[in-house]
Amino acid sequence: MAELPVISGKEAVKAFERAGWYMERRARSRHIIMKKPGMRTTLSIPEHKTLDRGLLRALIRDAYISVNEFVGLLK
């Protein structure tokens, strides 16, 4: 299993967009809300300079993709 890198919120949003997610709206609390057609789950990604690895792992799990797939989407 690939190790999760330390990335920013913007980098995470770009990776999730490559996986088919789109930005639905930007919340007042500086979070980006993302949705994907056919999925009930929404992703709330904070616009921080670095995301905690635990939060990133939870977002990946909520998106129903593996860590390896996500690391591949970062490239």
Protein backbone atom coordinates (compact mmCIF):
# COMPACT_ATOMS: atom_id res chain seq x y z
CA MET A 1 0.00 0.00 0.00
CA ALA A 2 1.31 3.43 -0.93
CA GLU A 3 2.07 5.93 1.79
CA LEU A 4 -0.12 9.02 1.84
CA PRO A 5 1.82 12.16 0.98
CA VAL A 6 1.32 15.47 2.76
CA ILE A 7 -0.70 17.60 0.33
CA SER A 8 -2.76 20.79 0.35
CA GLY A 9 -6.51 21.05 0.04
CA LYS A 10 -6.15 22.37 -3.53
CA GLU A 11 -4.09 19.34 -4.56
CA ALA A 12 -6.69 17.02 -3.04
CA VAL A 13 -9.49 18.78 -4.94
CA LYS A 14 -7.59 18.37 -8.24
CA ALA A 15 -7.02 14.67 -7.57
CA PHE A 16 -10.69 14.07 -6.73
CA GLU A 17 -11.70 15.96 -9.89
CA ARG A 18 -9.60 13.51 -11.90
CA ALA A 19 -11.62 10.72 -10.25
CA GLY A 20 -14.91 12.22 -11.48
CA TRP A 21 -15.87 14.44 -8.54
CA TYR A 22 -16.88 18.06 -9.17
CA MET A 23 -17.00 21.16 -7.00
CA GLU A 24 -20.61 21.82 -6.07
CA ARG A 25 -20.00 24.89 -3.94
CA ARG A 26 -17.58 26.66 -1.66
CA ALA A 27 -18.76 26.88 1.95
CA ARG A 28 -18.25 30.01 4.03
CA SER A 29 -15.96 28.10 6.35
CA ARG A 30 -13.34 27.79 3.56
CA HIS A 31 -14.33 24.24 2.62
CA ILE A 32 -14.94 22.94 -0.88
CA ILE A 33 -17.98 20.68 -1.16
CA MET A 34 -17.63 18.05 -3.88
CA LYS A 35 -20.16 15.64 -5.40
CA LYS A 36 -20.04 12.84 -7.93
CA PRO A 37 -22.94 11.72 -10.15
CA GLY A 38 -24.50 8.53 -8.83
CA MET A 39 -23.01 8.90 -5.33
CA ARG A 40 -24.90 9.94 -2.21
CA THR A 41 -21.72 10.93 -0.42
CA THR A 42 -20.36 14.47 -0.47
CA LEU A 43 -16.76 15.38 0.27
CA SER A 44 -15.95 18.44 2.37
CA ILE A 45 -12.33 19.39 1.75
CA PRO A 46 -10.81 22.23 3.79
CA GLU A 47 -8.70 24.77 1.92
CA HIS A 48 -5.66 24.33 4.16
CA LYS A 49 -1.99 24.40 3.17
CA THR A 50 -1.60 20.84 4.50
CA LEU A 51 -4.22 18.20 5.18
CA ASP A 52 -3.85 15.81 8.07
CA ARG A 53 -3.25 12.27 6.85
CA GLY A 54 -6.17 10.96 8.93
CA LEU A 55 -8.56 13.41 7.27
CA LEU A 56 -7.18 12.60 3.84
CA ARG A 57 -7.57 8.87 4.46
CA ALA A 58 -11.20 9.45 5.56
CA LEU A 59 -11.92 11.47 2.40
CA ILE A 60 -10.44 8.71 0.24
CA ARG A 61 -12.55 6.12 2.05
CA ASP A 62 -15.69 8.25 1.59
CA ALA A 63 -14.92 8.53 -2.14
CA TYR A 64 -14.75 4.70 -2.39
CA ILE A 65 -11.27 4.66 -3.92
CA SER A 66 -8.08 3.05 -2.66
CA VAL A 67 -5.02 4.90 -1.39
CA ASN A 68 -3.03 3.56 -4.35
CA GLU A 69 -5.60 4.94 -6.79
CA PHE A 70 -5.54 8.32 -5.06
CA VAL A 71 -1.74 8.51 -5.14
CA GLY A 72 -1.92 7.72 -8.86
CA LEU A 73 -4.40 10.58 -9.35
CA LEU A 74 -1.96 13.04 -7.78
CA LYS A 75 0.52 12.61 -10.64
